[in-house]
């Protein structure tokens, strides 16, 4: 067991209670209790301790014996429960008053209110889940598409964790090989002529590339892709938003500057969830209201994953402004869209690489498929089918740090024959990977992760 889990387990010997279903009215609601006082609380509230893992019809009572509700009770003794502790679930009627009454009754009998994500956090600390699986629970609940839901299920089942563990095992074997050679210098092993070592390095490099690509796709599946639609007034930004979203989401007129505020629409491109942000046209000397819209447009560009720069293909070179003439944020990829090809006579389609150029007509829809494909390519999204899993920014960052340590170690070996440096960089790479599954994770990181969960999860 990791040091992190051992340290955190020591200060949690209390019992927690919370509603496990969303607030509001419904057919049923679930109140969950977990911790060492659970059997005593169950005995008082139900009149007896239900048989393990068997649905039992009971009256739910408070400490004075007053009946609060009637429903199904489920008892899961430790360690065979979600949290690894004694757990009681009360399935009652789904109204705010009975739910609050049950939670208050459990608290009066020795429990306390659960913190956000605390049930899942206890499952992690008690080795019922690793950190990737714990996060996958929240990802599954919050998934925005069927592809994202399936990917979250694969992460929950351990697909991502297995891939990370396999890469770590490769690094361990490589590190053992290097350190064994270091420990026996009298053998005068030439690292660079060691075929087995070279093969192991190549296998690790391939595994880093493969897992890194899969994680980036997994992050896009989880978080979606945010695109700001930017350009001069009357270039057709709102028309393009309406075309991509399939509805008249934005007002379109021939009057320049119709869009004054940010308008957001979410679309699906072959499983890729994309949030489109229609912005005010960029121009000099706007009125006060339009100036605020332009300020918000520039703010949206700063946080977007990509920018669609819309050009009016009917304008001459002396009128048309290039995206390089605007103060666009650095590092944000751009797709240049030449709109109104139905008027300019240009042939629709895509060309170029950096930046990509797409010619289309937002009025007729010609060329929109080329834009959709360009967005998919820019996002690095590919349909991995049943092999996809969800990933978070922290996972991608940890993988990038691990890959950087690995590359630095290999470079030290090739440039200086420094086996010691390779061994140390491999150790740091292992440590970065272990942050993903939680075998090595700081308390601060755990606090940030589980604070994003709902209470009762």
Protein backbone atom coordinates (compact mmCIF):
# COMPACT_ATOMS: atom_id res chain seq x y z
CA UNK A 1 0.00 0.00 0.00
CA UNK A 2 1.26 3.47 -0.80
CA UNK A 3 2.49 5.91 1.84
CA UNK A 4 -0.25 8.33 0.82
CA UNK A 5 -3.06 5.89 1.49
CA UNK A 6 -1.54 4.71 4.78
CA UNK A 7 -1.17 8.27 6.07
CA UNK A 8 -4.65 9.35 5.08
CA UNK A 9 -6.37 6.26 6.42
CA UNK A 10 -5.13 6.94 9.97
CA UNK A 11 -7.26 10.04 10.55
CA UNK A 12 -10.59 8.72 9.25
CA UNK A 13 -12.16 6.45 11.84
CA UNK A 14 -15.50 8.22 11.92
CA UNK A 15 -18.77 7.49 10.16
CA UNK A 16 -20.24 9.61 7.38
CA UNK A 17 -23.74 9.99 5.96
CA UNK A 18 -25.23 11.79 2.94
CA UNK A 19 -27.86 11.53 0.26
CA UNK A 20 -26.43 9.58 -2.68
CA UNK A 21 -29.06 10.81 -5.15
CA UNK A 22 -29.53 14.36 -6.48
CA UNK A 23 -31.66 16.82 -4.48
CA UNK A 24 -35.26 17.30 -5.52
CA UNK A 25 -38.38 15.19 -5.83
CA UNK A 26 -38.48 11.73 -7.40
CA UNK A 27 -39.73 8.21 -7.04
CA UNK A 28 -36.93 7.08 -4.74
CA UNK A 29 -33.87 8.52 -3.05
CA UNK A 30 -30.86 6.82 -1.48
CA UNK A 31 -29.16 7.79 1.76
CA UNK A 32 -25.75 6.22 2.31
CA UNK A 33 -23.93 5.66 5.61
CA UNK A 34 -20.33 4.41 5.82
CA UNK A 35 -17.97 3.80 8.73
CA UNK A 36 -17.50 1.83 11.95
CA UNK A 37 -20.70 3.12 13.60
CA UNK A 38 -22.84 1.89 10.69
CA UNK A 39 -24.01 -1.38 12.33
CA UNK A 40 -25.15 0.47 15.46
CA UNK A 41 -26.90 3.16 13.42
CA UNK A 42 -28.62 0.49 11.31
CA UNK A 43 -29.80 -1.41 14.38
CA UNK A 44 -31.34 1.72 15.91
CA UNK A 45 -32.94 3.05 12.72
CA UNK A 46 -34.22 -0.32 11.45
CA UNK A 47 -34.74 -2.25 14.69
CA UNK A 48 -32.23 -4.88 13.57
CA UNK A 49 -29.13 -5.33 11.45
CA UNK A 50 -30.25 -6.53 8.00
CA UNK A 51 -28.64 -9.63 6.49
CA UNK A 52 -25.66 -8.71 4.27
CA UNK A 53 -26.39 -7.76 0.66
CA UNK A 54 -30.08 -8.61 0.86
CA UNK A 55 -32.82 -6.07 0.16
CA UNK A 56 -35.01 -5.80 3.26
CA UNK A 57 -38.28 -3.87 3.62
CA UNK A 58 -38.07 -1.78 6.80
CA UNK A 59 -39.45 1.21 8.65
CA UNK A 60 -36.80 3.90 9.02
CA UNK A 61 -36.90 5.45 12.51
CA UNK A 62 -35.01 8.11 14.42
CA UNK A 63 -33.45 7.69 17.87
CA UNK A 64 -36.81 8.35 19.59
CA UNK A 65 -38.53 5.60 17.61
CA UNK A 66 -40.57 7.92 15.36
CA UNK A 67 -41.09 6.54 11.86
CA UNK A 68 -39.49 8.76 9.21
CA UNK A 69 -40.12 6.66 6.11
CA UNK A 70 -40.56 3.11 4.84
CA UNK A 71 -38.36 1.56 2.19
CA UNK A 72 -35.59 -0.89 1.29
CA UNK A 73 -32.46 -1.27 3.40
CA UNK A 74 -29.21 -2.77 2.12
CA UNK A 75 -26.28 -3.57 4.41
CA UNK A 76 -22.76 -4.25 3.13
CA UNK A 77 -20.31 -5.32 5.85
CA UNK A 78 -16.62 -4.46 5.47
CA UNK A 79 -14.54 -5.10 3.49
CA UNK A 80 -17.02 -6.18 0.80
CA UNK A 81 -18.53 -2.78 0.10
CA UNK A 82 -17.94 0.19 -2.18
CA UNK A 83 -15.90 2.08 0.44
CA UNK A 84 -14.35 -1.00 2.04
CA UNK A 85 -16.12 -0.07 5.29
CA UNK A 86 -19.48 -1.09 6.78
CA UNK A 87 -22.05 0.57 4.52
CA UNK A 88 -25.81 1.03 4.89
CA UNK A 89 -28.05 2.21 2.08
CA UNK A 90 -31.59 3.40 2.80
CA UNK A 91 -33.78 3.49 -0.32
CA UNK A 92 -36.76 5.66 0.57
CA UNK A 93 -39.19 8.02 -1.06
CA UNK A 94 -37.60 10.75 -3.15
CA UNK A 95 -38.65 13.93 -1.44
CA UNK A 96 -36.39 16.57 0.15
CA UNK A 97 -38.03 16.27 3.60
CA UNK A 98 -37.76 12.49 4.11
CA UNK A 99 -34.21 12.48 2.73
CA UNK A 100 -33.12 15.27 5.08
CA UNK A 101 -34.83 13.48 7.98
CA UNK A 102 -32.90 10.26 7.33
CA UNK A 103 -29.56 12.07 7.07
CA UNK A 104 -30.29 14.02 10.26
CA UNK A 105 -31.25 10.81 12.07
CA UNK A 106 -27.97 9.14 11.09
CA UNK A 107 -26.02 12.21 12.23
CA UNK A 108 -27.86 12.24 15.58
CA UNK A 109 -26.77 8.62 16.04
CA UNK A 110 -23.07 9.34 15.59
CA UNK A 111 -22.38 10.00 11.91
CA UNK A 112 -21.32 13.29 10.37
CA UNK A 113 -22.14 14.84 7.02
CA UNK A 114 -19.92 13.53 4.24
CA UNK A 115 -17.64 15.90 2.41
CA UNK A 116 -17.75 16.13 -1.41
CA UNK A 117 -16.51 12.87 -2.91
CA UNK A 118 -15.74 11.35 0.48
CA UNK A 119 -17.36 7.98 -0.18
CA UNK A 120 -15.25 7.54 -3.32
CA UNK A 121 -12.20 8.90 -1.54
CA UNK A 122 -12.59 6.23 1.14
CA UNK A 123 -12.90 3.59 -1.56
CA UNK A 124 -9.56 4.82 -2.93
CA UNK A 125 -7.86 4.95 0.48
CA UNK A 126 -9.11 1.45 1.27
CA UNK A 127 -7.71 0.04 -1.99
CA UNK A 128 -11.10 -0.65 -3.54
CA UNK A 129 -10.28 1.67 -6.47
CA UNK A 130 -7.18 3.36 -7.80
CA UNK A 131 -7.26 7.08 -8.46
CA UNK A 132 -8.05 6.76 -12.18
CA UNK A 133 -11.03 4.53 -11.40
CA UNK A 134 -12.24 6.92 -8.71
CA UNK A 135 -12.13 9.83 -11.16
CA UNK A 136 -13.87 7.71 -13.79
CA UNK A 137 -16.96 7.54 -11.56
CA UNK A 138 -17.35 11.32 -11.78
CA UNK A 139 -16.53 11.22 -15.50
CA UNK A 140 -19.23 8.60 -16.14
CA UNK A 141 -21.84 10.63 -14.28
CA UNK A 142 -20.87 13.81 -16.12
CA UNK A 143 -20.31 12.27 -19.57
CA UNK A 144 -21.72 14.34 -22.42
CA UNK A 145 -21.96 11.65 -25.09
CA UNK A 146 -22.36 7.91 -25.44
CA UNK A 147 -18.73 7.65 -26.55
CA UNK A 148 -17.61 9.51 -23.42
CA UNK A 149 -19.77 7.29 -21.22
CA UNK A 150 -18.33 4.12 -22.75
CA UNK A 151 -14.80 5.49 -22.37
CA UNK A 152 -15.46 6.36 -18.71
CA UNK A 153 -16.71 2.81 -18.13
CA UNK A 154 -13.47 1.47 -19.58
CA UNK A 155 -11.47 3.66 -17.23
CA UNK A 156 -13.65 2.51 -14.34
CA UNK A 157 -13.04 -1.11 -15.31
CA UNK A 158 -9.28 -0.48 -15.16
CA UNK A 159 -8.31 -0.17 -18.85
CA UNK A 160 -6.36 3.08 -18.38
CA UNK A 161 -4.77 1.90 -15.13
CA UNK A 162 -3.69 -1.36 -16.77
CA UNK A 163 -1.99 0.54 -19.59
CA UNK A 164 -0.17 2.80 -17.10
CA UNK A 165 0.90 -0.20 -14.99
CA UNK A 166 2.19 -1.99 -18.09
CA UNK A 167 4.30 1.04 -19.04
CA UNK A 168 5.62 1.28 -15.50
CA UNK A 169 6.59 -2.39 -15.62
CA UNK A 170 8.55 -1.74 -18.82
CA UNK A 171 10.38 1.11 -17.10
CA UNK A 172 11.12 -1.08 -14.08
CA UNK A 173 12.65 -3.82 -16.25
CA UNK A 174 14.69 -1.25 -18.16
CA UNK A 175 15.86 0.37 -14.96
CA UNK A 176 16.89 -2.99 -13.48
CA UNK A 177 18.88 -3.74 -16.61
CA UNK A 178 20.70 -0.40 -16.42
CA UNK A 179 21.36 -0.52 -12.68
CA UNK A 180 22.65 -4.09 -12.89
CA UNK A 181 25.21 -2.94 -15.44
CA UNK A 182 26.16 0.02 -13.25
CA UNK A 183 26.67 -2.26 -10.24
CA UNK A 184 29.21 -4.39 -12.09
CA UNK A 185 31.57 -1.90 -13.76
CA UNK A 186 34.30 -4.52 -14.01
CA UNK A 187 32.29 -6.12 -16.79
CA UNK A 188 32.92 -2.97 -18.86
CA UNK A 189 29.52 -3.13 -20.49
CA UNK A 190 29.10 -0.79 -23.43
CA UNK A 191 25.53 0.46 -23.01
CA UNK A 192 25.17 1.56 -26.59
CA UNK A 193 26.20 -1.84 -27.97
CA UNK A 194 23.78 -3.73 -25.72
CA UNK A 195 21.10 -4.95 -28.12
CA UNK A 196 18.68 -5.96 -25.36
CA UNK A 197 18.93 -2.51 -23.80
CA UNK A 198 18.32 -0.80 -27.14
CA UNK A 199 15.30 -2.99 -27.75
CA UNK A 200 13.89 -2.21 -24.28
CA UNK A 201 14.38 1.53 -24.86
CA UNK A 202 12.58 1.37 -28.21
CA UNK A 203 9.68 -0.58 -26.67
CA UNK A 204 9.31 2.04 -23.92
CA UNK A 205 9.40 4.88 -26.44
CA UNK A 206 6.67 3.21 -28.51
CA UNK A 207 4.57 2.61 -25.40
CA UNK A 208 4.90 6.26 -24.33
CA UNK A 209 3.78 7.45 -27.77
CA UNK A 210 0.81 5.09 -27.89
CA UNK A 211 -0.42 5.82 -24.37
CA UNK A 212 0.14 9.55 -24.80
CA UNK A 213 -2.00 9.62 -27.95
CA UNK A 214 -4.75 7.57 -26.27
CA UNK A 215 -4.73 9.83 -23.22
CA UNK A 216 -5.05 12.96 -25.36
CA UNK A 217 -8.06 11.44 -27.13
CA UNK A 218 -9.44 10.45 -23.72
CA UNK A 219 -9.11 14.01 -22.47
CA UNK A 220 -10.97 15.37 -25.49
CA UNK A 221 -13.71 12.76 -24.90
CA UNK A 222 -14.05 13.88 -21.29
CA UNK A 223 -13.62 17.65 -21.58
CA UNK A 224 -14.77 18.27 -25.13
CA UNK A 225 -13.17 20.81 -27.45
CA UNK A 226 -13.85 24.54 -27.26
CA UNK A 227 -13.64 26.63 -30.43
CA UNK A 228 -13.98 30.42 -30.71
CA UNK A 229 -15.45 31.68 -33.99
CA UNK A 230 -13.63 34.95 -34.69
CA UNK A 231 -13.36 37.45 -37.54
CA UNK A 232 -14.39 40.80 -38.91
CA UNK A 233 -18.04 41.93 -38.84
CA UNK A 234 -20.30 40.36 -41.47
CA UNK A 235 -17.80 37.64 -42.38
CA UNK A 236 -20.45 35.01 -41.63
CA UNK A 237 -19.54 33.90 -38.11
CA UNK A 238 -23.13 33.57 -36.89
CA UNK A 239 -24.19 31.89 -40.13
CA UNK A 240 -21.45 29.31 -39.61
CA UNK A 241 -22.57 28.73 -36.02
CA UNK A 242 -26.12 28.12 -37.24
CA UNK A 243 -24.89 25.77 -39.96
CA UNK A 244 -22.74 23.66 -37.61
CA UNK A 245 -25.35 23.55 -34.83
CA UNK A 246 -28.20 22.78 -37.22
CA UNK A 247 -30.46 25.49 -35.82
CA UNK A 248 -30.99 29.25 -35.91
CA UNK A 249 -29.09 29.84 -32.69
CA UNK A 250 -27.73 33.25 -33.72
CA UNK A 251 -29.45 36.21 -35.35
CA UNK A 252 -28.15 36.76 -38.89
CA UNK A 253 -28.62 40.07 -40.71
CA UNK A 254 -26.76 42.12 -43.28
CA UNK A 255 -26.09 44.76 -40.63
CA UNK A 256 -22.49 44.61 -39.43
CA UNK A 257 -22.06 44.11 -35.69
CA UNK A 258 -25.29 42.17 -35.06
CA UNK A 259 -23.55 39.92 -32.53
CA UNK A 260 -22.76 41.90 -29.39
CA UNK A 261 -22.32 39.14 -26.81
CA UNK A 262 -20.93 35.61 -26.50
CA UNK A 263 -23.19 32.84 -27.82
CA UNK A 264 -22.38 29.20 -27.10
CA UNK A 265 -23.66 26.06 -28.82
CA UNK A 266 -22.54 22.44 -28.32
CA UNK A 267 -22.33 20.09 -31.27
CA UNK A 268 -21.20 16.51 -31.82
CA UNK A 269 -18.67 15.64 -34.53
CA UNK A 270 -18.49 11.85 -34.78
CA UNK A 271 -18.36 11.49 -31.01
CA UNK A 272 -16.24 14.61 -30.39
CA UNK A 273 -18.14 17.08 -28.22
CA UNK A 274 -17.39 20.60 -29.48
CA UNK A 275 -18.47 23.86 -27.85
CA UNK A 276 -18.72 26.64 -30.45
CA UNK A 277 -18.40 30.24 -29.23
CA UNK A 278 -19.79 32.90 -31.55
CA UNK A 279 -18.14 36.26 -30.84
CA UNK A 280 -18.55 39.89 -31.76
CA UNK A 281 -16.84 41.02 -34.95
CA UNK A 282 -13.39 42.54 -34.46
CA UNK A 283 -13.10 46.07 -35.82
CA UNK A 284 -11.77 49.51 -34.97
CA UNK A 285 -13.87 52.29 -33.44
CA UNK A 286 -16.82 50.20 -32.18
CA UNK A 287 -19.57 51.77 -30.11
CA UNK A 288 -19.55 51.21 -26.34
CA UNK A 289 -21.76 48.10 -26.36
CA UNK A 290 -19.91 46.53 -29.27
CA UNK A 291 -16.59 47.31 -27.58
CA UNK A 292 -17.67 45.23 -24.59
CA UNK A 293 -18.58 42.41 -26.96
CA UNK A 294 -15.11 42.57 -28.53
CA UNK A 295 -13.53 42.48 -25.06
CA UNK A 296 -15.49 39.34 -24.27
CA UNK A 297 -14.51 37.88 -27.65
CA UNK A 298 -10.83 38.32 -26.86
CA UNK A 299 -11.40 36.79 -23.43
CA UNK A 300 -13.07 33.75 -25.03
CA UNK A 301 -10.12 33.34 -27.39
CA UNK A 302 -7.71 33.12 -24.44
CA UNK A 303 -9.46 30.06 -23.01
CA UNK A 304 -10.44 28.32 -26.27
CA UNK A 305 -8.71 25.18 -27.53
CA UNK A 306 -8.78 26.52 -31.10
CA UNK A 307 -9.90 29.48 -33.19
CA UNK A 308 -11.90 29.56 -36.43
CA UNK A 309 -10.81 32.75 -38.22
CA UNK A 310 -13.62 33.61 -40.64
CA UNK A 311 -12.83 35.55 -43.82
CA UNK A 312 -15.29 36.95 -46.36
CA UNK A 313 -14.13 35.39 -49.63
CA UNK A 314 -15.85 38.14 -51.63
CA UNK A 315 -13.68 40.91 -50.20
CA UNK A 316 -10.64 42.06 -52.11
CA UNK A 317 -7.13 41.85 -50.71
CA UNK A 318 -7.13 45.52 -49.79
CA UNK A 319 -10.21 45.08 -47.58
CA UNK A 320 -9.66 41.62 -46.20
CA UNK A 321 -7.66 41.34 -42.98
CA UNK A 322 -5.39 38.42 -42.26
CA UNK A 323 -5.51 36.75 -38.85
CA UNK A 324 -1.84 37.69 -38.41
CA UNK A 325 -2.92 41.34 -38.31
CA UNK A 326 -4.98 40.70 -35.17
CA UNK A 327 -3.77 40.33 -31.59
CA UNK A 328 -4.75 36.67 -31.34
CA UNK A 329 -3.44 34.64 -28.38
CA UNK A 330 -0.16 32.81 -28.98
CA UNK A 331 -0.14 29.04 -29.02
CA UNK A 332 -3.84 28.62 -29.87
CA UNK A 333 -4.21 26.69 -33.16
CA UNK A 334 -6.16 28.37 -35.97
CA UNK A 335 -8.29 27.19 -38.86
CA UNK A 336 -8.76 29.87 -41.50
CA UNK A 337 -12.26 29.61 -42.98
CA UNK A 338 -12.93 31.40 -46.27
CA UNK A 339 -16.72 31.83 -46.25
CA UNK A 340 -19.20 32.80 -49.00
CA UNK A 341 -17.75 30.61 -51.75
CA UNK A 342 -21.23 30.59 -53.29
CA UNK A 343 -20.56 34.24 -54.17
CA UNK A 344 -16.81 34.20 -54.76
CA UNK A 345 -16.79 31.13 -57.02
CA UNK A 346 -13.95 29.47 -55.08
CA UNK A 347 -13.89 25.70 -54.92
CA UNK A 348 -14.91 24.31 -51.53
CA UNK A 349 -12.53 22.11 -49.54
CA UNK A 350 -9.48 22.12 -47.28
CA UNK A 351 -5.84 22.92 -47.92
CA UNK A 352 -2.69 23.77 -46.04
CA UNK A 353 -1.46 22.46 -42.74
CA UNK A 354 -0.37 25.25 -40.38
CA UNK A 355 -2.72 26.95 -40.36
CA UNK A 356 -5.32 24.84 -42.08
CA UNK A 357 -7.49 26.62 -44.65
CA UNK A 358 -11.06 25.59 -45.40
CA UNK A 359 -13.24 27.12 -48.13
CA UNK A 360 -17.00 26.81 -47.66
CA UNK A 361 -20.38 28.46 -47.90
CA UNK A 362 -22.22 28.87 -44.61
CA UNK A 363 -25.33 29.69 -46.68
CA UNK A 364 -25.46 26.50 -48.78
CA UNK A 365 -23.47 24.16 -46.52
CA UNK A 366 -20.98 23.28 -49.26
CA UNK A 367 -17.57 22.51 -47.73
CA UNK A 368 -18.81 22.04 -44.16
CA UNK A 369 -17.69 18.39 -44.11
CA UNK A 370 -14.13 19.54 -44.81
CA UNK A 371 -14.37 21.89 -41.82
CA UNK A 372 -15.67 19.11 -39.57
CA UNK A 373 -12.76 16.90 -40.59
CA UNK A 374 -10.28 19.74 -40.02
CA UNK A 375 -11.65 20.25 -36.51
CA UNK A 376 -11.30 16.53 -35.76
CA UNK A 377 -7.71 16.55 -36.96
CA UNK A 378 -6.85 19.71 -35.04
CA UNK A 379 -8.26 18.23 -31.84
CA UNK A 380 -6.21 15.09 -32.41
CA UNK A 381 -9.43 13.12 -32.08
CA UNK A 382 -9.83 9.66 -33.47
CA UNK A 383 -12.53 7.14 -32.77
CA UNK A 384 -10.74 4.42 -30.82
CA UNK A 385 -13.96 2.43 -30.57
CA UNK A 386 -14.04 -0.02 -27.68
CA UNK A 387 -10.41 0.79 -26.86
CA UNK A 388 -11.07 4.37 -25.74
CA UNK A 389 -10.86 5.51 -22.13
CA UNK A 390 -11.33 8.89 -20.49
CA UNK A 391 -8.40 10.94 -19.25
CA UNK A 392 -7.95 14.25 -17.48
CA UNK A 393 -5.53 17.11 -17.92
CA UNK A 394 -3.51 15.93 -14.92
CA UNK A 395 -3.14 12.48 -16.53
CA UNK A 396 -1.87 13.98 -19.79
CA UNK A 397 0.50 16.30 -17.88
CA UNK A 398 1.89 13.38 -15.84
CA UNK A 399 2.42 11.33 -18.98
CA UNK A 400 4.22 14.24 -20.65
CA UNK A 401 6.49 14.69 -17.63
CA UNK A 402 7.24 10.96 -17.53
CA UNK A 403 8.01 10.94 -21.27
CA UNK A 404 10.27 13.99 -20.85
CA UNK A 405 12.26 12.24 -18.08
CA UNK A 406 12.55 9.12 -20.24
CA UNK A 407 13.76 11.12 -23.25
CA UNK A 408 16.26 13.03 -21.10
CA UNK A 409 17.65 9.77 -19.76
CA UNK A 410 18.00 8.24 -23.21
CA UNK A 411 19.73 11.40 -24.47
CA UNK A 412 22.18 11.27 -21.55
CA UNK A 413 22.97 7.67 -22.41
CA UNK A 414 23.47 8.31 -26.11
CA UNK A 415 25.44 11.55 -25.71
CA UNK A 416 27.54 10.78 -22.65
CA UNK A 417 27.13 7.03 -22.05
CA UNK A 418 25.77 8.10 -18.63
CA UNK A 419 23.95 5.03 -17.37
CA UNK A 420 23.55 6.61 -13.94
CA UNK A 421 21.63 9.53 -15.41
CA UNK A 422 19.41 7.18 -17.38
CA UNK A 423 18.61 5.21 -14.22
CA UNK A 424 17.72 8.38 -12.32
CA UNK A 425 15.51 9.73 -15.11
CA UNK A 426 13.74 6.37 -15.29
CA UNK A 427 13.05 6.62 -11.56
CA UNK A 428 11.56 10.08 -12.01
CA UNK A 429 9.50 8.82 -14.95
CA UNK A 430 8.11 6.02 -12.78
CA UNK A 431 7.22 8.51 -10.08
CA UNK A 432 5.36 10.74 -12.55
CA UNK A 433 3.37 7.76 -13.85
CA UNK A 434 2.50 6.66 -10.31
CA UNK A 435 0.73 9.99 -9.76
CA UNK A 436 -1.86 8.92 -12.35
CA UNK A 437 -3.11 5.86 -10.49
CA UNK A 438 -2.40 7.29 -7.05
CA UNK A 439 0.30 4.90 -5.88
CA UNK A 440 2.24 8.10 -5.21
CA UNK A 441 0.04 11.17 -4.78
CA UNK A 442 0.25 14.23 -2.54
CA UNK A 443 -2.51 14.97 -0.03
CA UNK A 444 -3.02 18.34 -1.71
CA UNK A 445 -3.72 16.72 -5.07
CA UNK A 446 -6.18 14.29 -3.53
CA UNK A 447 -7.99 17.16 -1.86
CA UNK A 448 -8.34 19.00 -5.17
CA UNK A 449 -9.53 15.90 -7.03
CA UNK A 450 -12.23 14.82 -4.61
CA UNK A 451 -13.44 18.35 -3.89
CA UNK A 452 -14.80 18.37 -7.46
CA UNK A 453 -17.13 15.45 -6.65
CA UNK A 454 -20.70 15.82 -5.46
CA UNK A 455 -21.61 15.16 -1.84
CA UNK A 456 -22.82 11.57 -1.54
CA UNK A 457 -20.58 10.34 -4.36
